[in-house]
Amino acid sequence: MSPTINDPAVEALAEEVRRATNAESATEAIKLALRHELERLQRQRSFEERNAEVMAMADALGETDPQFDLKSFSDAMWAGR
């Protein structure tokens, strides 16, 4: 049984996906698109997870040098250019 689609924009999208994926029908194309979207959402990590990873990398770098002079460092890097 095919789903009933009453929205021309959705029909056009389903047909576009069907052609792009060589699906046998719009139903197969919709199923494939929905499956891919679910997989994408399941792979997506939360901000908290990504932030925790970045914070762990920053912590692994250790303390910063309070005597470090960024201006002098930058000037030395650009010297001779």
PDB file of N, CA and C in Angstrom:
ATOM      1  N   MET A   1       0.833  -1.172   0.000  1.00  0.00           N
ATOM      2  CA  MET A   1       0.000   0.000   0.000  1.00  0.00           C
ATOM      3  C   MET A   1       0.885   1.245   0.000  1.00  0.00           C
ATOM      4  N   SER A   2       0.667   2.125  -0.919  1.00  0.00           N
ATOM      5  CA  SER A   2       1.441   3.356  -1.030  1.00  0.00           C
ATOM      6  C   SER A   2       0.882   4.419  -0.101  1.00  0.00           C
ATOM      7  N   PRO A   3       1.756   5.248   0.442  1.00  0.00           N
ATOM      8  CA  PRO A   3       1.244   6.341   1.272  1.00  0.00           C
ATOM      9  C   PRO A   3       0.530   7.362   0.387  1.00  0.00           C
ATOM     10  N   THR A   4      -0.470   7.995   0.943  1.00  0.00           N
ATOM     11  CA  THR A   4      -1.180   9.037   0.218  1.00  0.00           C
ATOM     12  C   THR A   4      -0.518  10.367   0.530  1.00  0.00           C
ATOM     13  N   ILE A   5      -0.070  11.035  -0.522  1.00  0.00           N
ATOM     14  CA  ILE A   5       0.597  12.320  -0.358  1.00  0.00           C
ATOM     15  C   ILE A   5      -0.279  13.379  -1.004  1.00  0.00           C
ATOM     16  N   ASN A   6      -0.707  14.351  -0.217  1.00  0.00           N
ATOM     17  CA  ASN A   6      -1.584  15.404  -0.715  1.00  0.00           C
ATOM     18  C   ASN A   6      -0.865  16.730  -0.885  1.00  0.00           C
ATOM     19  N   ASP A   7       0.442  16.700  -0.825  1.00  0.00           N
ATOM     20  CA  ASP A   7       1.234  17.923  -0.928  1.00  0.00           C
ATOM     21  C   ASP A   7       2.123  17.815  -2.166  1.00  0.00           C
ATOM     22  N   PRO A   8       1.910  18.673  -3.165  1.00  0.00           N
ATOM     23  CA  PRO A   8       2.707  18.599  -4.391  1.00  0.00           C
ATOM     24  C   PRO A   8       4.212  18.751  -4.143  1.00  0.00           C
ATOM     25  N   ALA A   9       4.590  19.547  -3.159  1.00  0.00           N
ATOM     26  CA  ALA A   9       6.015  19.722  -2.856  1.00  0.00           C
ATOM     27  C   ALA A   9       6.615  18.419  -2.339  1.00  0.00           C
ATOM     28  N   VAL A  10       5.859  17.701  -1.512  1.00  0.00           N
ATOM     29  CA  VAL A  10       6.337  16.419  -0.987  1.00  0.00           C
ATOM     30  C   VAL A  10       6.415  15.401  -2.117  1.00  0.00           C
ATOM     31  N   GLU A  11       5.429  15.401  -2.989  1.00  0.00           N
ATOM     32  CA  GLU A  11       5.458  14.496  -4.148  1.00  0.00           C
ATOM     33  C   GLU A  11       6.694  14.768  -4.999  1.00  0.00           C
ATOM     34  N   ALA A  12       6.999  16.041  -5.226  1.00  0.00           N
ATOM     35  CA  ALA A  12       8.163  16.398  -6.038  1.00  0.00           C
ATOM     36  C   ALA A  12       9.458  15.964  -5.360  1.00  0.00           C
ATOM     37  N   LEU A  13       9.547  16.162  -4.048  1.00  0.00           N
ATOM     38  CA  LEU A  13      10.740  15.726  -3.315  1.00  0.00           C
ATOM     39  C   LEU A  13      10.895  14.212  -3.369  1.00  0.00           C
ATOM     40  N   ALA A  14       9.800  13.501  -3.181  1.00  0.00           N
ATOM     41  CA  ALA A  14       9.841  12.039  -3.228  1.00  0.00           C
ATOM     42  C   ALA A  14      10.295  11.567  -4.606  1.00  0.00           C
ATOM     43  N   GLU A  15       9.813  12.206  -5.644  1.00  0.00           N
ATOM     44  CA  GLU A  15      10.209  11.830  -7.003  1.00  0.00           C
ATOM     45  C   GLU A  15      11.681  12.156  -7.243  1.00  0.00           C
ATOM     46  N   GLU A  16      12.127  13.279  -6.730  1.00  0.00           N
ATOM     47  CA  GLU A  16      13.538  13.653  -6.880  1.00  0.00           C
ATOM     48  C   GLU A  16      14.443  12.645  -6.174  1.00  0.00           C
ATOM     49  N   VAL A  17      14.061  12.247  -4.967  1.00  0.00           N
ATOM     50  CA  VAL A  17      14.844  11.240  -4.234  1.00  0.00           C
ATOM     51  C   VAL A  17      14.781   9.903  -4.963  1.00  0.00           C
ATOM     52  N   ARG A  18      13.610   9.549  -5.492  1.00  0.00           N
ATOM     53  CA  ARG A  18      13.467   8.281  -6.224  1.00  0.00           C
ATOM     54  C   ARG A  18      14.429   8.234  -7.402  1.00  0.00           C
ATOM     55  N   ARG A  19      14.487   9.331  -8.169  1.00  0.00           N
ATOM     56  CA  ARG A  19      15.391   9.366  -9.329  1.00  0.00           C
ATOM     57  C   ARG A  19      16.855   9.336  -8.884  1.00  0.00           C
ATOM     58  N   ALA A  20      17.187  10.108  -7.855  1.00  0.00           N
ATOM     59  CA  ALA A  20      18.576  10.200  -7.399  1.00  0.00           C
ATOM     60  C   ALA A  20      19.092   8.883  -6.836  1.00  0.00           C
ATOM     61  N   THR A  21      18.193   8.107  -6.237  1.00  0.00           N
ATOM     62  CA  THR A  21      18.604   6.847  -5.611  1.00  0.00           C
ATOM     63  C   THR A  21      18.278   5.630  -6.463  1.00  0.00           C
ATOM     64  N   ASN A  22      17.630   5.858  -7.599  1.00  0.00           N
ATOM     65  CA  ASN A  22      17.178   4.756  -8.461  1.00  0.00           C
ATOM     66  C   ASN A  22      16.232   3.814  -7.726  1.00  0.00           C
ATOM     67  N   ALA A  23      15.469   4.361  -6.801  1.00  0.00           N
ATOM     68  CA  ALA A  23      14.489   3.548  -6.072  1.00  0.00           C
ATOM     69  C   ALA A  23      13.388   3.122  -7.037  1.00  0.00           C
ATOM     70  N   GLU A  24      12.782   1.983  -6.754  1.00  0.00           N
ATOM     71  CA  GLU A  24      11.736   1.459  -7.629  1.00  0.00           C
ATOM     72  C   GLU A  24      10.452   2.263  -7.547  1.00  0.00           C
ATOM     73  N   SER A  25      10.222   2.901  -6.406  1.00  0.00           N
ATOM     74  CA  SER A  25       8.972   3.642  -6.235  1.00  0.00           C
ATOM     75  C   SER A  25       9.206   4.823  -5.298  1.00  0.00           C
ATOM     76  N   ALA A  26       8.227   5.703  -5.272  1.00  0.00           N
ATOM     77  CA  ALA A  26       8.295   6.832  -4.346  1.00  0.00           C
ATOM     78  C   ALA A  26       8.261   6.328  -2.909  1.00  0.00           C
ATOM     79  N   THR A  27       7.519   5.253  -2.665  1.00  0.00           N
ATOM     80  CA  THR A  27       7.450   4.678  -1.321  1.00  0.00           C
ATOM     81  C   THR A  27       8.835   4.225  -0.865  1.00  0.00           C
ATOM     82  N   GLU A  28       9.564   3.542  -1.763  1.00  0.00           N
ATOM     83  CA  GLU A  28      10.921   3.100  -1.426  1.00  0.00           C
ATOM     84  C   GLU A  28      11.834   4.301  -1.189  1.00  0.00           C
ATOM     85  N   ALA A  29      11.669   5.337  -1.986  1.00  0.00           N
ATOM     86  CA  ALA A  29      12.482   6.541  -1.829  1.00  0.00           C
ATOM     87  C   ALA A  29      12.208   7.209  -0.488  1.00  0.00           C
ATOM     88  N   ILE A  30      10.944   7.290  -0.115  1.00  0.00           N
ATOM     89  CA  ILE A  30      10.571   7.890   1.171  1.00  0.00           C
ATOM     90  C   ILE A  30      11.129   7.061   2.320  1.00  0.00           C
ATOM     91  N   LYS A  31      11.015   5.744   2.221  1.00  0.00           N
ATOM     92  CA  LYS A  31      11.535   4.859   3.267  1.00  0.00           C
ATOM     93  C   LYS A  31      13.045   5.041   3.412  1.00  0.00           C
ATOM     94  N   LEU A  32      13.748   5.112   2.286  1.00  0.00           N
ATOM     95  CA  LEU A  32      15.190   5.300   2.311  1.00  0.00           C
ATOM     96  C   LEU A  32      15.559   6.648   2.933  1.00  0.00           C
ATOM     97  N   ALA A  33      14.851   7.699   2.528  1.00  0.00           N
ATOM     98  CA  ALA A  33      15.133   9.035   3.059  1.00  0.00           C
ATOM     99  C   ALA A  33      14.876   9.096   4.561  1.00  0.00           C
ATOM    100  N   LEU A  34      13.788   8.497   5.001  1.00  0.00           N
ATOM    101  CA  LEU A  34      13.477   8.498   6.432  1.00  0.00           C
ATOM    102  C   LEU A  34      14.500   7.689   7.221  1.00  0.00           C
ATOM    103  N   ARG A  35      14.921   6.561   6.670  1.00  0.00           N
ATOM    104  CA  ARG A  35      15.932   5.733   7.340  1.00  0.00           C
ATOM    105  C   ARG A  35      17.249   6.506   7.467  1.00  0.00           C
ATOM    106  N   HIS A  36      17.649   7.182   6.391  1.00  0.00           N
ATOM    107  CA  HIS A  36      18.885   7.966   6.444  1.00  0.00           C
ATOM    108  C   HIS A  36      18.787   9.102   7.455  1.00  0.00           C
ATOM    109  N   GLU A  37      17.642   9.744   7.518  1.00  0.00           N
ATOM    110  CA  GLU A  37      17.468  10.838   8.478  1.00  0.00           C
ATOM    111  C   GLU A  37      17.547  10.318   9.915  1.00  0.00           C
ATOM    112  N   LEU A  38      16.926   9.177  10.180  1.00  0.00           N
ATOM    113  CA  LEU A  38      17.012   8.592  11.526  1.00  0.00           C
ATOM    114  C   LEU A  38      18.454   8.240  11.882  1.00  0.00           C
ATOM    115  N   GLU A  39      19.182   7.658  10.933  1.00  0.00           N
ATOM    116  CA  GLU A  39      20.582   7.315  11.184  1.00  0.00           C
ATOM    117  C   GLU A  39      21.404   8.570  11.456  1.00  0.00           C
ATOM    118  N   ARG A  40      21.155   9.640  10.693  1.00  0.00           N
ATOM    119  CA  ARG A  40      21.876  10.889  10.887  1.00  0.00           C
ATOM    120  C   ARG A  40      21.611  11.453  12.281  1.00  0.00           C
ATOM    121  N   LEU A  41      20.356  11.418  12.694  1.00  0.00           N
ATOM    122  CA  LEU A  41      20.001  11.937  14.010  1.00  0.00           C
ATOM    123  C   LEU A  41      20.615  11.106  15.129  1.00  0.00           C
ATOM    124  N   GLN A  42      20.686   9.797  14.929  1.00  0.00           N
ATOM    125  CA  GLN A  42      21.262   8.929  15.955  1.00  0.00           C
ATOM    126  C   GLN A  42      22.773   9.122  16.064  1.00  0.00           C
ATOM    127  N   ARG A  43      23.423   9.487  14.952  1.00  0.00           N
ATOM    128  CA  ARG A  43      24.875   9.716  14.975  1.00  0.00           C
ATOM    129  C   ARG A  43      25.231  11.062  15.573  1.00  0.00           C
ATOM    130  N   GLN A  44      24.295  11.961  15.546  1.00  0.00           N
ATOM    131  CA  GLN A  44      24.542  13.325  15.995  1.00  0.00           C
ATOM    132  C   GLN A  44      24.819  13.339  17.500  1.00  0.00           C
ATOM    133  N   ARG A  45      25.936  13.942  17.853  1.00  0.00           N
ATOM    134  CA  ARG A  45      26.271  14.038  19.267  1.00  0.00           C
ATOM    135  C   ARG A  45      25.742  15.352  19.815  1.00  0.00           C
ATOM    136  N   SER A  46      25.399  15.338  21.064  1.00  0.00           N
ATOM    137  CA  SER A  46      24.875  16.544  21.693  1.00  0.00           C
ATOM    138  C   SER A  46      25.997  17.559  21.900  1.00  0.00           C
ATOM    139  N   PHE A  47      25.604  18.801  22.105  1.00  0.00           N
ATOM    140  CA  PHE A  47      26.578  19.852  22.403  1.00  0.00           C
ATOM    141  C   PHE A  47      27.397  19.471  23.627  1.00  0.00           C
ATOM    142  N   GLU A  48      26.740  18.934  24.633  1.00  0.00           N
ATOM    143  CA  GLU A  48      27.437  18.576  25.869  1.00  0.00           C
ATOM    144  C   GLU A  48      28.524  17.540  25.603  1.00  0.00           C
ATOM    145  N   GLU A  49      28.229  16.549  24.752  1.00  0.00           N
ATOM    146  CA  GLU A  49      29.226  15.523  24.438  1.00  0.00           C
ATOM    147  C   GLU A  49      30.413  16.131  23.690  1.00  0.00           C
ATOM    148  N   ARG A  50      30.130  16.958  22.685  1.00  0.00           N
ATOM    149  CA  ARG A  50      31.208  17.584  21.915  1.00  0.00           C
ATOM    150  C   ARG A  50      32.014  18.534  22.794  1.00  0.00           C
ATOM    151  N   ASN A  51      31.323  19.295  23.635  1.00  0.00           N
ATOM    152  CA  ASN A  51      32.004  20.247  24.510  1.00  0.00           C
ATOM    153  C   ASN A  51      32.892  19.520  25.518  1.00  0.00           C
ATOM    154  N   ALA A  52      32.423  18.415  26.058  1.00  0.00           N
ATOM    155  CA  ALA A  52      33.224  17.650  27.016  1.00  0.00           C
ATOM    156  C   ALA A  52      34.512  17.159  26.359  1.00  0.00           C
ATOM    157  N   GLU A  53      34.426  16.744  25.109  1.00  0.00           N
ATOM    158  CA  GLU A  53      35.618  16.285  24.395  1.00  0.00           C
ATOM    159  C   GLU A  53      36.614  17.429  24.201  1.00  0.00           C
ATOM    160  N   VAL A  54      36.124  18.588  23.809  1.00  0.00           N
ATOM    161  CA  VAL A  54      36.995  19.752  23.613  1.00  0.00           C
ATOM    162  C   VAL A  54      37.620  20.178  24.939  1.00  0.00           C
ATOM    163  N   MET A  55      36.833  20.182  25.998  1.00  0.00           N
ATOM    164  CA  MET A  55      37.357  20.573  27.307  1.00  0.00           C
ATOM    165  C   MET A  55      38.430  19.592  27.780  1.00  0.00           C
ATOM    166  N   ALA A  56      38.248  18.302  27.509  1.00  0.00           N
ATOM    167  CA  ALA A  56      39.250  17.307  27.888  1.00  0.00           C
ATOM    168  C   ALA A  56      40.552  17.548  27.122  1.00  0.00           C
ATOM    169  N   MET A  57      40.448  17.901  25.843  1.00  0.00           N
ATOM    170  CA  MET A  57      41.654  18.199  25.066  1.00  0.00           C
ATOM    171  C   MET A  57      42.347  19.442  25.612  1.00  0.00           C
ATOM    172  N   ALA A  58      41.575  20.452  25.986  1.00  0.00           N
ATOM    173  CA  ALA A  58      42.158  21.672  26.552  1.00  0.00           C
ATOM    174  C   ALA A  58      42.834  21.364  27.883  1.00  0.00           C
ATOM    175  N   ASP A  59      42.189  20.551  28.711  1.00  0.00           N
ATOM    176  CA  ASP A  59      42.781  20.172  29.999  1.00  0.00           C
ATOM    177  C   ASP A  59      44.087  19.407  29.798  1.00  0.00           C
ATOM    178  N   ALA A  60      44.145  18.572  28.744  1.00  0.00           N
ATOM    179  CA  ALA A  60      45.343  17.786  28.478  1.00  0.00           C
ATOM    180  C   ALA A  60      46.528  18.676  28.102  1.00  0.00           C
ATOM    181  N   LEU A  61      46.260  19.874  27.611  1.00  0.00           N
ATOM    182  CA  LEU A  61      47.345  20.801  27.273  1.00  0.00           C
ATOM    183  C   LEU A  61      48.023  21.358  28.514  1.00  0.00           C
ATOM    184  N   GLY A  62      47.334  21.361  29.621  1.00  0.00           N
ATOM    185  CA  GLY A  62      47.910  21.843  30.870  1.00  0.00           C
ATOM    186  C   GLY A  62      47.683  23.324  31.081  1.00  0.00           C
ATOM    187  N   GLU A  63      48.285  23.819  32.141  1.00  0.00           N
ATOM    188  CA  GLU A  63      48.151  25.227  32.517  1.00  0.00           C
ATOM    189  C   GLU A  63      48.837  26.121  31.493  1.00  0.00           C
ATOM    190  N   THR A  64      48.320  27.324  31.346  1.00  0.00           N
ATOM    191  CA  THR A  64      48.978  28.303  30.478  1.00  0.00           C
ATOM    192  C   THR A  64      50.051  29.031  31.274  1.00  0.00           C
ATOM    193  N   ASP A  65      51.025  29.570  30.559  1.00  0.00           N
ATOM    194  CA  ASP A  65      52.113  30.317  31.183  1.00  0.00           C
ATOM    195  C   ASP A  65      51.641  31.747  31.416  1.00  0.00           C
ATOM    196  N   PRO A  66      51.509  32.171  32.663  1.00  0.00           N
ATOM    197  CA  PRO A  66      51.028  33.529  32.929  1.00  0.00           C
ATOM    198  C   PRO A  66      52.008  34.599  32.441  1.00  0.00           C
ATOM    199  N   GLN A  67      53.262  34.222  32.190  1.00  0.00           N
ATOM    200  CA  GLN A  67      54.273  35.168  31.717  1.00  0.00           C
ATOM    201  C   GLN A  67      54.314  35.275  30.188  1.00  0.00           C
ATOM    202  N   PHE A  68      53.534  34.451  29.503  1.00  0.00           N
ATOM    203  CA  PHE A  68      53.563  34.434  28.038  1.00  0.00           C
ATOM    204  C   PHE A  68      53.060  35.758  27.484  1.00  0.00           C
ATOM    205  N   ASP A  69      53.827  36.327  26.556  1.00  0.00           N
ATOM    206  CA  ASP A  69      53.482  37.609  25.939  1.00  0.00           C
ATOM    207  C   ASP A  69      53.120  37.353  24.476  1.00  0.00           C
ATOM    208  N   LEU A  70      51.846  37.327  24.184  1.00  0.00           N
ATOM    209  CA  LEU A  70      51.377  37.024  22.833  1.00  0.00           C
ATOM    210  C   LEU A  70      51.872  38.052  21.823  1.00  0.00           C
ATOM    211  N   LYS A  71      51.922  39.317  22.213  1.00  0.00           N
ATOM    212  CA  LYS A  71      52.374  40.374  21.289  1.00  0.00           C
ATOM    213  C   LYS A  71      53.813  40.125  20.869  1.00  0.00           C
ATOM    214  N   SER A  72      54.685  39.854  21.833  1.00  0.00           N
ATOM    215  CA  SER A  72      56.092  39.581  21.505  1.00  0.00           C
ATOM    216  C   SER A  72      56.211  38.333  20.642  1.00  0.00           C
ATOM    217  N   PHE A  73      55.453  37.314  20.969  1.00  0.00           N
ATOM    218  CA  PHE A  73      55.465  36.072  20.196  1.00  0.00           C
ATOM    219  C   PHE A  73      55.031  36.338  18.759  1.00  0.00           C
ATOM    220  N   SER A  74      53.934  37.074  18.588  1.00  0.00           N
ATOM    221  CA  SER A  74      53.430  37.385  17.249  1.00  0.00           C
ATOM    222  C   SER A  74      54.420  38.237  16.472  1.00  0.00           C
ATOM    223  N   ASP A  75      55.000  39.229  17.131  1.00  0.00           N
ATOM    224  CA  ASP A  75      55.989  40.086  16.470  1.00  0.00           C
ATOM    225  C   ASP A  75      57.181  39.261  15.992  1.00  0.00           C
ATOM    226  N   ALA A  76      57.636  38.330  16.818  1.00  0.00           N
ATOM    227  CA  ALA A  76      58.772  37.486  16.448  1.00  0.00           C
ATOM    228  C   ALA A  76      58.415  36.584  15.266  1.00  0.00           C
ATOM    229  N   MET A  77      57.180  36.104  15.240  1.00  0.00           N
ATOM    230  CA  MET A  77      56.758  35.248  14.122  1.00  0.00           C
ATOM    231  C   MET A  77      56.727  36.026  12.812  1.00  0.00           C
ATOM    232  N   TRP A  78      56.350  37.294  12.883  1.00  0.00           N
ATOM    233  CA  TRP A  78      56.210  38.104  11.672  1.00  0.00           C
ATOM    234  C   TRP A  78      57.506  38.818  11.287  1.00  0.00           C
ATOM    235  N   ALA A  79      58.513  38.722  12.131  1.00  0.00           N
ATOM    236  CA  ALA A  79      59.790  39.386  11.830  1.00  0.00           C
ATOM    237  C   ALA A  79      60.363  38.802  10.540  1.00  0.00           C
ATOM    238  N   GLY A  80      60.849  39.677   9.692  1.00  0.00           N
ATOM    239  CA  GLY A  80      61.456  39.206   8.454  1.00  0.00           C
ATOM    240  C   GLY A  80      60.467  39.022   7.314  1.00  0.00           C
ATOM    241  N   ARG A  81      59.240  39.333   7.533  1.00  0.00           N
ATOM    242  CA  ARG A  81      58.246  39.190   6.449  1.00  0.00           C
ATOM    243  C   ARG A  81      58.002  40.501   5.804  1.00  0.00           C
TER     244      ARG A  81
END
